[in-house]
Amino acid sequence: MKPLNRRQFIKSSLAASAAVIAPFNILPAGASPNSKLNVGCIGVGGMQGFSDVNSVRSENIYAMCDVDDRFMKRAAEHFPAAQKYRDFRQMFDKEAKNLDAVTITIPDHMHATVALWAMERGIHVYLQKPLTQTVWEARLMKNAAKKFNVVSQMGNQGYSSDGIRRACEAVWRGDVGDITEIHSRNGGGFARDITAWPREEKTRKRKRRAPAWIDWKMWAGRAEEHAFSTRIHPSNWRGFQAYGTQMIGDWGVHQLGFANWALQLHAPASVECTAVEGVNPVSYPHYACKIEFPERPNQYVPAGKMPPVTLYWYEGNMAEKFHPSTHLPKEEIKNFSSVYYGTKGMMGTDGYCGYYRLIPKTKMADFQEPAPVLDRSPGHFQQWIQACKGEGSTCSNFTVAAPYTEWLLLGTISWRFPGEKLLWDHKNMRFTNNKKANEYVKPNFRKGWKLDQSTVKAIMALDEQV
């Protein structure tokens, strides 16, 4: 018999536990129905890193990696037995044979690069939202998960709530009719006041490029390296064009999860920036855009399809333009992040889409929850862990998350061409009427960080026909 690797071993152990109980010693050595995954955690600090480590502590935290020694020190206090690394490449080179799965909680611009290293080695991946920084990288992630046959999950936790499922079921029941218009807003932002690259910071004695506690070159990764600054790390990077996706990636991916699922959004026809302020070469501006989707199939509705829909996104100061209805009191919509127009009524959802309500409130007087159509989740991380062990699948796997991320990220391109409707060819990942816009579909890789082209070619050859 061909020997089992660790991942196959865990899966076979769980399968055995579901069969007739036999003496333990006839199972593979060390097998147990309660076998724990060996998990590597890449990015263990910042806004979400340690939270993600803590969310998988039911398993064995086998290795941790972070370029920031301060974050590593704090995490190590809780998981002292974990192997510790600064460079994710070294971690994979030394520990790949011991790892079953990894969590990746790092700046957006390095999501795809690190996840690809894991998937190539057959390691399951939990990748924080937004899945990637660019459209092309999202497509790469979808195909890579398929090629390397790994379990995947994007970190948009709201996708696992009961509320988002009930909201989908209400729409599919026809509670608001056919939805033809969506409005979503987020007035937050990072690095809004930074319009030029921060200069090198100084100590009392001299100027320095980066403090000793961080590997700044590794942090920059595939992106162009700029001087270290606390105005970039640990959290403001989200607002820099080189590293993040600003609010559509930070929060839009949560807020519009219901739209993506309920309306089965996939391949948009166009994107257009309708307003923009504060354009500069470094950080993201305030902008509003609209994304148009054509008619598309939906197995959950009686007609088997849904009509065209237009989605409006308002970011930063543009959130003040969020007035989806002029005939309703403001209090009817003030607590909603997104509002949906249907042919029979309106609906609102909150930031994580865990709460929804018909608009106006009076329509909830006789409301009854729809009959369940979708399975309920045991929890976003728990579902991923179970799937890694061979039990079920994940609700935001890369087959779902990548097309979703692709259409969201069209917004991060649109503001560069205000007032111009950019026509999108989803199959070929290109704008058909603007060559300049196509330059933002794929990322730039600085020397030493380019992906292996033969590997990329093999992965992208799996691209599905649309």
Protein backbone atom coordinates (compact mmCIF):
# COMPACT_ATOMS: atom_id res chain seq x y z
CA MET A 1 0.00 0.00 0.00
CA LYS A 2 1.14 3.55 -0.74
CA PRO A 3 1.82 5.32 2.59
CA LEU A 4 -0.62 8.06 3.56
CA ASN A 5 0.57 11.62 3.97
CA ARG A 6 -0.63 13.51 7.05
CA ARG A 7 -3.63 15.13 5.30
CA GLN A 8 -4.83 11.84 3.80
CA PHE A 9 -4.28 10.18 7.17
CA ILE A 10 -6.54 12.61 9.05
CA LYS A 11 -9.26 12.26 6.41
CA SER A 12 -9.11 8.44 6.57
CA SER A 13 -9.17 8.53 10.36
CA LEU A 14 -12.41 10.52 10.37
CA ALA A 15 -13.94 8.21 7.77
CA ALA A 16 -13.05 5.24 9.92
CA SER A 17 -14.74 6.79 12.93
CA ALA A 18 -18.02 6.87 11.04
CA ALA A 19 -17.82 3.14 10.28
CA VAL A 20 -18.28 0.21 12.68
CA ILE A 21 -16.07 0.79 15.70
CA ALA A 22 -13.06 -1.53 15.58
CA PRO A 23 -10.09 -2.00 17.87
CA PHE A 24 -7.95 1.12 17.69
CA ASN A 25 -4.80 -0.75 16.76
CA ILE A 26 -6.13 -1.82 13.36
CA LEU A 27 -6.34 1.83 12.24
CA PRO A 28 -3.27 3.67 10.96
CA ALA A 29 -0.81 4.30 13.78
CA GLY A 30 -1.89 7.29 15.85
CA ALA A 31 -5.25 7.67 14.14
CA SER A 32 -8.18 9.05 16.11
CA PRO A 33 -11.64 10.36 15.27
CA ASN A 34 -10.54 13.47 17.14
CA SER A 35 -7.30 13.98 15.19
CA LYS A 36 -6.23 17.60 15.22
CA LEU A 37 -4.96 19.54 12.27
CA ASN A 38 -1.47 20.96 12.33
CA VAL A 39 -2.14 24.60 11.50
CA GLY A 40 0.33 27.28 10.45
CA CYS A 41 -0.69 30.89 11.07
CA ILE A 42 0.81 33.57 8.83
CA GLY A 43 0.20 37.01 10.26
CA VAL A 44 -0.48 36.80 13.99
CA GLY A 45 -1.01 40.44 15.00
CA GLY A 46 -2.52 43.66 13.74
CA MET A 47 -6.27 44.14 13.56
CA GLN A 48 -7.22 40.53 12.88
CA GLY A 49 -4.15 38.29 13.02
CA PHE A 50 -4.26 37.01 16.57
CA SER A 51 -8.04 36.73 16.44
CA ASP A 52 -7.66 34.30 13.53
CA VAL A 53 -5.02 32.30 15.42
CA ASN A 54 -7.34 32.14 18.42
CA SER A 55 -10.22 31.02 16.21
CA VAL A 56 -8.38 27.81 15.26
CA ARG A 57 -6.91 27.04 18.67
CA SER A 58 -9.08 23.91 18.86
CA GLU A 59 -6.43 22.46 16.54
CA ASN A 60 -2.67 22.24 16.99
CA ILE A 61 -1.03 25.61 16.32
CA TYR A 62 2.09 24.05 14.87
CA ALA A 63 3.83 27.10 13.37
CA MET A 64 3.46 30.87 13.34
CA CYS A 65 4.95 33.46 11.03
CA ASP A 66 5.07 37.25 11.22
CA VAL A 67 7.47 39.92 9.97
CA ASP A 68 6.76 41.97 13.11
CA ASP A 69 8.60 40.60 16.15
CA ARG A 70 6.27 42.46 18.52
CA PHE A 71 3.26 40.57 17.19
CA MET A 72 5.12 37.28 17.30
CA LYS A 73 6.15 37.80 20.91
CA ARG A 74 2.56 38.37 22.03
CA ALA A 75 1.25 35.37 20.10
CA ALA A 76 4.06 33.15 21.36
CA GLU A 77 2.99 33.82 24.94
CA HIS A 78 -0.21 31.93 24.15
CA PHE A 79 1.33 29.25 21.88
CA PRO A 80 4.91 28.76 23.11
CA ALA A 81 5.31 25.36 21.46
CA ALA A 82 4.66 26.68 17.94
CA GLN A 83 7.58 26.91 15.51
CA LYS A 84 8.32 30.56 14.79
CA TYR A 85 9.29 32.22 11.51
CA ARG A 86 9.70 35.67 10.00
CA ASP A 87 9.73 34.48 6.36
CA PHE A 88 6.73 32.45 5.16
CA ARG A 89 8.91 30.84 2.47
CA GLN A 90 11.22 29.39 5.08
CA MET A 91 8.24 28.16 7.04
CA PHE A 92 6.87 26.29 4.04
CA ASP A 93 10.28 24.94 3.04
CA LYS A 94 10.83 23.47 6.50
CA GLU A 95 7.32 22.65 7.68
CA ALA A 96 5.18 21.86 4.63
CA LYS A 97 5.33 18.13 5.32
CA ASN A 98 4.03 18.76 8.84
CA LEU A 99 1.28 21.26 8.02
CA ASP A 100 -2.31 20.42 7.12
CA ALA A 101 -3.70 23.94 6.86
CA VAL A 102 -2.81 27.62 7.20
CA THR A 103 -4.53 30.85 8.10
CA ILE A 104 -3.28 33.91 6.18
CA THR A 105 -3.94 37.30 7.76
CA ILE A 106 -1.60 39.79 6.10
CA PRO A 107 -1.87 42.91 3.88
CA ASP A 108 -3.99 42.46 0.75
CA HIS A 109 -1.13 42.76 -1.73
CA MET A 110 0.49 39.55 -0.47
CA HIS A 111 -2.62 37.38 -0.09
CA ALA A 112 -2.35 35.58 -3.42
CA THR A 113 1.41 35.06 -3.33
CA VAL A 114 1.41 33.43 0.10
CA ALA A 115 -1.75 31.41 -0.53
CA LEU A 116 -0.28 30.03 -3.74
CA TRP A 117 2.79 28.80 -1.86
CA ALA A 118 0.48 26.90 0.47
CA MET A 119 -1.82 25.45 -2.17
CA GLU A 120 1.07 24.25 -4.33
CA ARG A 121 2.11 22.13 -1.36
CA GLY A 122 -1.36 20.67 -0.86
CA ILE A 123 -2.03 22.72 2.27
CA HIS A 124 -5.59 23.91 2.97
CA VAL A 125 -6.07 27.67 3.14
CA TYR A 126 -8.12 30.14 5.17
CA LEU A 127 -7.42 33.49 3.49
CA GLN A 128 -8.62 36.77 4.93
CA LYS A 129 -10.84 39.12 2.97
CA PRO A 130 -10.71 40.56 0.42
CA LEU A 131 -9.44 37.42 -1.23
CA THR A 132 -6.86 39.36 -3.26
CA GLN A 133 -5.84 42.90 -4.17
CA THR A 134 -6.40 42.49 -7.92
CA VAL A 135 -8.91 40.82 -10.21
CA TRP A 136 -6.33 38.58 -11.89
CA GLU A 137 -5.08 37.26 -8.56
CA ALA A 138 -8.63 36.32 -7.56
CA ARG A 139 -9.01 34.22 -10.71
CA LEU A 140 -5.63 32.64 -9.96
CA MET A 141 -6.81 31.67 -6.47
CA LYS A 142 -9.97 30.02 -7.74
CA ASN A 143 -8.10 27.93 -10.27
CA ALA A 144 -5.24 27.08 -7.90
CA ALA A 145 -7.63 25.71 -5.25
CA LYS A 146 -9.12 23.50 -7.93
CA LYS A 147 -5.80 22.37 -9.40
CA PHE A 148 -4.23 21.50 -6.06
CA ASN A 149 -7.46 20.10 -4.59
CA VAL A 150 -7.35 21.99 -1.30
CA VAL A 151 -10.08 23.19 1.05
CA SER A 152 -10.42 26.97 0.99
CA GLN A 153 -12.35 29.67 2.80
CA MET A 154 -12.31 33.48 2.56
CA GLY A 155 -12.57 35.36 5.83
CA ASN A 156 -15.93 37.06 5.31
CA GLN A 157 -17.51 35.70 8.49
CA GLY A 158 -20.97 37.04 7.77
CA TYR A 159 -21.36 34.42 5.06
CA SER A 160 -21.75 31.83 7.82
CA SER A 161 -24.50 33.61 9.76
CA ASP A 162 -28.06 32.35 9.94
CA GLY A 163 -29.24 35.88 9.16
CA ILE A 164 -27.73 36.02 5.68
CA ARG A 165 -29.32 32.67 4.88
CA ARG A 166 -32.75 33.78 6.09
CA ALA A 167 -32.43 36.98 4.06
CA CYS A 168 -31.59 34.98 0.93
CA GLU A 169 -34.56 32.69 1.53
CA ALA A 170 -36.88 35.68 1.96
CA VAL A 171 -35.77 37.13 -1.37
CA TRP A 172 -36.10 33.78 -3.12
CA ARG A 173 -39.60 33.44 -1.66
CA GLY A 174 -40.45 36.70 -3.42
CA ASP A 175 -40.91 38.96 -0.38
CA VAL A 176 -39.70 42.07 -2.23
CA GLY A 177 -40.21 40.89 -5.80
CA ASP A 178 -37.40 41.19 -8.33
CA ILE A 179 -34.51 43.25 -6.99
CA THR A 180 -33.26 45.66 -9.63
CA GLU A 181 -31.23 48.17 -7.59
CA ILE A 182 -28.82 47.99 -4.64
CA HIS A 183 -27.25 50.85 -2.65
CA SER A 184 -24.38 50.23 -0.22
CA ARG A 185 -22.18 52.68 1.72
CA ASN A 186 -19.19 52.88 4.00
CA GLY A 187 -17.87 56.22 5.17
CA GLY A 188 -14.73 54.89 6.85
CA GLY A 189 -11.24 54.80 5.47
CA PHE A 190 -7.52 54.50 6.07
CA ALA A 191 -4.72 56.92 5.16
CA ARG A 192 -7.26 59.49 3.95
CA ASP A 193 -4.97 62.37 4.85
CA ILE A 194 -1.87 60.88 3.23
CA THR A 195 -1.36 62.02 -0.36
CA ALA A 196 2.43 61.55 -0.67
CA TRP A 197 4.67 58.71 0.48
CA PRO A 198 5.71 59.19 4.12
CA ARG A 199 9.36 60.09 4.56
CA GLU A 200 11.81 57.95 6.46
CA GLU A 201 11.16 58.28 10.14
CA LYS A 202 13.82 59.47 12.54
CA THR A 203 14.99 58.34 15.94
CA ARG A 204 16.53 60.84 18.34
CA LYS A 205 19.98 60.21 16.92
CA ARG A 206 19.59 59.37 13.25
CA LYS A 207 17.33 58.60 10.34
CA ARG A 208 16.47 54.94 9.82
CA ARG A 209 14.80 52.87 7.12
CA ALA A 210 13.05 50.43 9.44
CA PRO A 211 13.29 49.42 13.10
CA ALA A 212 14.96 46.14 13.99
CA TRP A 213 11.69 44.55 15.09
CA ILE A 214 10.31 44.32 11.55
CA ASP A 215 11.52 42.80 8.28
CA TRP A 216 10.30 45.63 6.09
CA LYS A 217 11.54 44.17 2.80
CA MET A 218 9.57 41.01 3.49
CA TRP A 219 6.53 43.07 4.46
CA ALA A 220 6.68 44.89 1.09
CA GLY A 221 6.83 41.56 -0.74
CA ARG A 222 5.85 41.82 -4.38
CA ALA A 223 5.04 45.54 -4.15
CA GLU A 224 7.48 48.39 -4.67
CA GLU A 225 9.36 49.05 -1.46
CA HIS A 226 8.91 52.43 0.22
CA ALA A 227 10.39 53.77 3.43
CA PHE A 228 9.07 52.24 6.62
CA SER A 229 6.50 54.36 8.37
CA THR A 230 4.06 53.92 11.22
CA ARG A 231 1.67 55.78 8.91
CA ILE A 232 1.62 52.58 6.82
CA HIS A 233 2.13 49.72 9.29
CA PRO A 234 0.33 48.20 11.16
CA SER A 235 -3.12 49.18 9.84
CA ASN A 236 -3.12 52.20 7.52
CA TRP A 237 -1.79 50.12 4.60
CA ARG A 238 -5.42 49.42 3.67
CA GLY A 239 -5.73 52.94 2.29
CA PHE A 240 -2.61 52.79 0.09
CA GLN A 241 -3.07 51.89 -3.56
CA ALA A 242 0.10 49.79 -3.45
CA TYR A 243 -1.04 47.57 -0.59
CA GLY A 244 -4.77 47.61 0.07
CA THR A 245 -8.24 48.04 -1.41
CA GLN A 246 -9.65 50.66 0.98
CA MET A 247 -13.27 50.25 2.10
CA ILE A 248 -14.74 48.23 -0.76
CA GLY A 249 -12.28 45.48 0.15
CA ASP A 250 -12.22 46.06 3.89
CA TRP A 251 -15.99 46.31 4.44
CA GLY A 252 -17.73 46.06 1.10
CA VAL A 253 -16.86 42.38 1.03
CA HIS A 254 -18.90 41.98 4.25
CA GLN A 255 -21.75 44.32 3.40
CA LEU A 256 -22.42 42.95 -0.07
CA GLY A 257 -22.21 39.27 0.79
CA PHE A 258 -26.00 39.06 0.81
CA ALA A 259 -26.20 40.73 -2.60
CA ASN A 260 -23.69 38.30 -4.03
CA TRP A 261 -25.44 35.23 -2.62
CA ALA A 262 -29.11 36.12 -2.91
CA LEU A 263 -28.84 37.62 -6.38
CA GLN A 264 -26.23 35.15 -7.63
CA LEU A 265 -23.98 37.92 -8.90
CA HIS A 266 -21.09 36.74 -10.99
CA ALA A 267 -20.05 38.38 -14.24
CA PRO A 268 -20.83 42.13 -14.40
CA ALA A 269 -21.30 43.91 -17.69
CA SER A 270 -19.77 47.24 -16.70
CA VAL A 271 -18.49 49.50 -13.94
CA GLU A 272 -18.64 53.31 -13.85
CA CYS A 273 -17.29 55.85 -11.37
CA THR A 274 -20.09 58.36 -10.78
CA ALA A 275 -18.17 60.74 -8.45
CA VAL A 276 -14.67 61.05 -7.00
CA GLU A 277 -12.77 63.46 -4.70
CA GLY A 278 -9.20 63.61 -3.44
CA VAL A 279 -7.42 61.75 -6.24
CA ASN A 280 -3.69 61.41 -5.57
CA PRO A 281 -0.91 58.98 -6.55
CA VAL A 282 -0.58 57.28 -3.16
CA SER A 283 -3.85 56.62 -1.31
CA TYR A 284 -7.40 55.82 -2.36
CA PRO A 285 -9.77 58.74 -2.88
CA HIS A 286 -13.40 59.13 -1.87
CA TYR A 287 -15.52 57.71 -4.69
CA ALA A 288 -18.86 56.32 -5.76
CA CYS A 289 -19.41 53.81 -8.55
CA LYS A 290 -22.08 51.65 -10.07
CA ILE A 291 -21.72 48.08 -11.31
CA GLU A 292 -24.24 46.64 -13.75
CA PHE A 293 -25.09 42.95 -13.92
CA PRO A 294 -27.06 41.35 -16.75
CA GLU A 295 -29.80 38.75 -16.38
CA ARG A 296 -28.37 35.58 -14.82
CA PRO A 297 -29.52 32.13 -13.69
CA ASN A 298 -30.67 31.43 -10.14
CA GLN A 299 -31.73 27.91 -9.23
CA TYR A 300 -33.50 29.12 -6.08
CA VAL A 301 -36.25 31.20 -7.71
CA PRO A 302 -39.28 29.82 -9.59
CA ALA A 303 -38.33 31.59 -12.81
CA GLY A 304 -34.85 30.07 -12.72
CA LYS A 305 -33.30 33.44 -13.46
CA MET A 306 -33.09 36.99 -12.13
CA PRO A 307 -33.41 40.29 -14.01
CA PRO A 308 -30.58 42.81 -14.59
CA VAL A 309 -29.51 44.68 -11.45
CA THR A 310 -27.46 47.81 -10.80
CA LEU A 311 -25.35 48.07 -7.66
CA TYR A 312 -24.28 51.48 -6.31
CA TRP A 313 -21.29 51.77 -3.97
CA TYR A 314 -20.47 54.90 -1.91
CA GLU A 315 -17.08 55.14 -0.15
CA GLY A 316 -15.59 57.73 2.21
CA ASN A 317 -17.22 61.15 1.91
CA MET A 318 -19.40 59.80 -0.87
CA ALA A 319 -21.37 57.85 1.73
CA GLU A 320 -23.16 61.15 2.38
CA LYS A 321 -24.76 60.72 -1.03
CA PHE A 322 -26.44 57.53 0.19
CA HIS A 323 -30.13 58.43 -0.28
CA PRO A 324 -31.74 55.33 -1.76
CA SER A 325 -35.25 56.61 -1.17
CA THR A 326 -36.63 60.13 -0.99
CA HIS A 327 -40.14 59.19 0.15
CA LEU A 328 -39.09 57.40 3.36
CA PRO A 329 -38.05 58.98 6.68
CA LYS A 330 -34.28 58.82 7.21
CA GLU A 331 -34.71 56.73 10.33
CA GLU A 332 -36.08 53.92 8.16
CA ILE A 333 -32.70 53.41 6.51
CA LYS A 334 -30.11 55.08 8.77
CA ASN A 335 -29.01 51.83 10.45
CA PHE A 336 -28.58 49.87 7.24
CA SER A 337 -25.33 49.53 5.32
CA SER A 338 -27.15 48.34 2.22
CA VAL A 339 -30.65 48.86 0.84
CA TYR A 340 -32.32 46.74 -1.85
CA TYR A 341 -35.06 47.89 -4.23
CA GLY A 342 -37.51 45.23 -5.41
CA THR A 343 -40.57 45.37 -7.60
CA LYS A 344 -42.71 44.62 -4.53
CA GLY A 345 -40.82 46.41 -1.77
CA MET A 346 -37.49 47.22 -0.12
CA MET A 347 -35.11 45.44 2.23
CA GLY A 348 -32.12 46.58 4.33
CA THR A 349 -29.12 44.71 5.75
CA ASP A 350 -26.42 45.55 8.28
CA GLY A 351 -22.63 45.42 7.91
CA TYR A 352 -22.20 41.66 8.22
CA CYS A 353 -25.60 40.87 6.65
CA GLY A 354 -26.56 38.99 9.79
CA TYR A 355 -29.57 41.25 10.28
CA TYR A 356 -32.17 42.18 7.69
CA ARG A 357 -35.56 43.86 7.67
CA LEU A 358 -38.26 44.79 5.21
CA ILE A 359 -38.68 48.55 4.68
CA PRO A 360 -40.72 50.28 6.03
CA LYS A 361 -40.99 48.69 9.49
CA THR A 362 -44.75 48.32 9.17
CA LYS A 363 -44.17 45.52 6.64
CA MET A 364 -42.72 43.38 9.42
CA ALA A 365 -45.99 43.30 11.39
CA ASP A 366 -47.16 39.99 9.93
CA PHE A 367 -43.80 38.76 8.70
CA GLN A 368 -43.02 35.07 9.00
CA GLU A 369 -39.55 33.64 8.46
CA PRO A 370 -39.24 31.64 5.24
CA ALA A 371 -38.81 27.90 5.26
CA PRO A 372 -35.11 26.92 5.33
CA VAL A 373 -33.54 26.25 1.95
CA LEU A 374 -29.85 26.54 2.80
CA ASP A 375 -27.92 24.45 5.31
CA ARG A 376 -26.90 26.31 8.46
CA SER A 377 -23.21 26.73 9.27
CA PRO A 378 -21.49 25.56 12.46
CA GLY A 379 -19.34 28.69 12.24
CA HIS A 380 -17.01 30.15 9.62
CA PHE A 381 -13.79 28.69 11.05
CA GLN A 382 -15.39 25.51 12.32
CA GLN A 383 -16.85 24.78 8.90
CA TRP A 384 -13.38 25.19 7.36
CA ILE A 385 -11.79 22.95 9.98
CA GLN A 386 -14.40 20.26 9.43
CA ALA A 387 -13.94 20.45 5.66
CA CYS A 388 -10.16 20.13 6.08
CA LYS A 389 -10.88 16.88 7.92
CA GLY A 390 -13.11 15.63 5.10
CA GLU A 391 -16.51 16.64 6.50
CA GLY A 392 -18.63 18.75 4.15
CA SER A 393 -17.56 21.90 2.33
CA THR A 394 -17.14 25.62 2.98
CA CYS A 395 -19.64 28.33 2.08
CA SER A 396 -17.06 30.90 0.97
CA ASN A 397 -14.60 28.62 -0.77
CA PHE A 398 -12.58 30.15 -3.58
CA THR A 399 -15.04 28.99 -6.24
CA VAL A 400 -17.53 31.32 -4.53
CA ALA A 401 -15.18 33.96 -3.13
CA ALA A 402 -13.07 34.60 -6.24
CA PRO A 403 -15.83 35.70 -8.65
CA TYR A 404 -17.28 37.79 -5.82
CA THR A 405 -13.92 39.45 -5.18
CA GLU A 406 -13.44 40.06 -8.89
CA TRP A 407 -16.53 42.19 -9.32
CA LEU A 408 -15.92 44.08 -6.06
CA LEU A 409 -12.41 45.02 -7.18
CA LEU A 410 -13.69 46.58 -10.39
CA GLY A 411 -14.64 49.46 -8.10
CA THR A 412 -10.98 49.99 -7.14
CA ILE A 413 -10.21 50.50 -10.83
CA SER A 414 -13.21 52.63 -11.79
CA TRP A 415 -12.32 55.83 -9.91
CA ARG A 416 -9.32 56.36 -12.17
CA PHE A 417 -11.73 56.93 -15.08
CA PRO A 418 -14.59 59.05 -13.69
CA GLY A 419 -17.74 59.28 -15.74
CA GLU A 420 -16.63 56.55 -18.15
CA LYS A 421 -18.57 53.31 -18.41
CA LEU A 422 -15.95 50.57 -18.54
CA LEU A 423 -17.27 47.52 -20.38
CA TRP A 424 -16.12 44.29 -18.75
CA ASP A 425 -15.35 41.01 -20.52
CA HIS A 426 -15.49 38.57 -17.60
CA LYS A 427 -14.32 35.51 -19.51
CA ASN A 428 -11.13 37.18 -20.73
CA MET A 429 -10.65 39.46 -17.69
CA ARG A 430 -10.38 42.66 -19.66
CA PHE A 431 -12.12 45.93 -20.40
CA THR A 432 -13.11 46.07 -24.02
CA ASN A 433 -13.17 49.86 -24.38
CA ASN A 434 -10.21 51.12 -22.31
CA LYS A 435 -6.66 49.76 -22.65
CA LYS A 436 -5.38 51.92 -19.80
CA ALA A 437 -7.90 50.42 -17.38
CA ASN A 438 -6.58 46.95 -18.18
CA GLU A 439 -3.25 47.90 -16.62
CA TYR A 440 -4.93 47.69 -13.19
CA VAL A 441 -6.43 44.21 -13.64
CA LYS A 442 -3.15 42.42 -12.91
CA PRO A 443 -0.57 43.28 -10.21
CA ASN A 444 3.04 44.32 -10.65
CA PHE A 445 5.76 42.09 -9.21
CA ARG A 446 9.10 43.54 -8.30
CA LYS A 447 12.35 41.64 -8.87
CA GLY A 448 12.57 38.48 -6.84
CA TRP A 449 8.82 38.13 -6.39
CA LYS A 450 7.56 37.16 -9.83
CA LEU A 451 5.48 34.00 -9.89
CA ASP A 452 6.73 30.99 -11.81
CA GLN A 453 5.20 31.42 -15.24
CA SER A 454 4.93 27.72 -16.03
CA THR A 455 2.97 27.21 -12.81
CA VAL A 456 0.75 30.22 -13.52
CA LYS A 457 0.09 29.04 -17.06
CA ALA A 458 -0.95 25.60 -15.85
CA ILE A 459 -3.26 27.08 -13.22
CA MET A 460 -4.92 29.61 -15.52
CA ALA A 461 -5.47 26.88 -18.15
CA LEU A 462 -8.17 25.58 -15.80
CA ASP A 463 -10.19 28.75 -16.25
CA GLU A 464 -13.83 27.84 -16.71
CA GLN A 465 -15.89 28.87 -19.69
CA VAL A 466 -18.57 31.43 -18.83
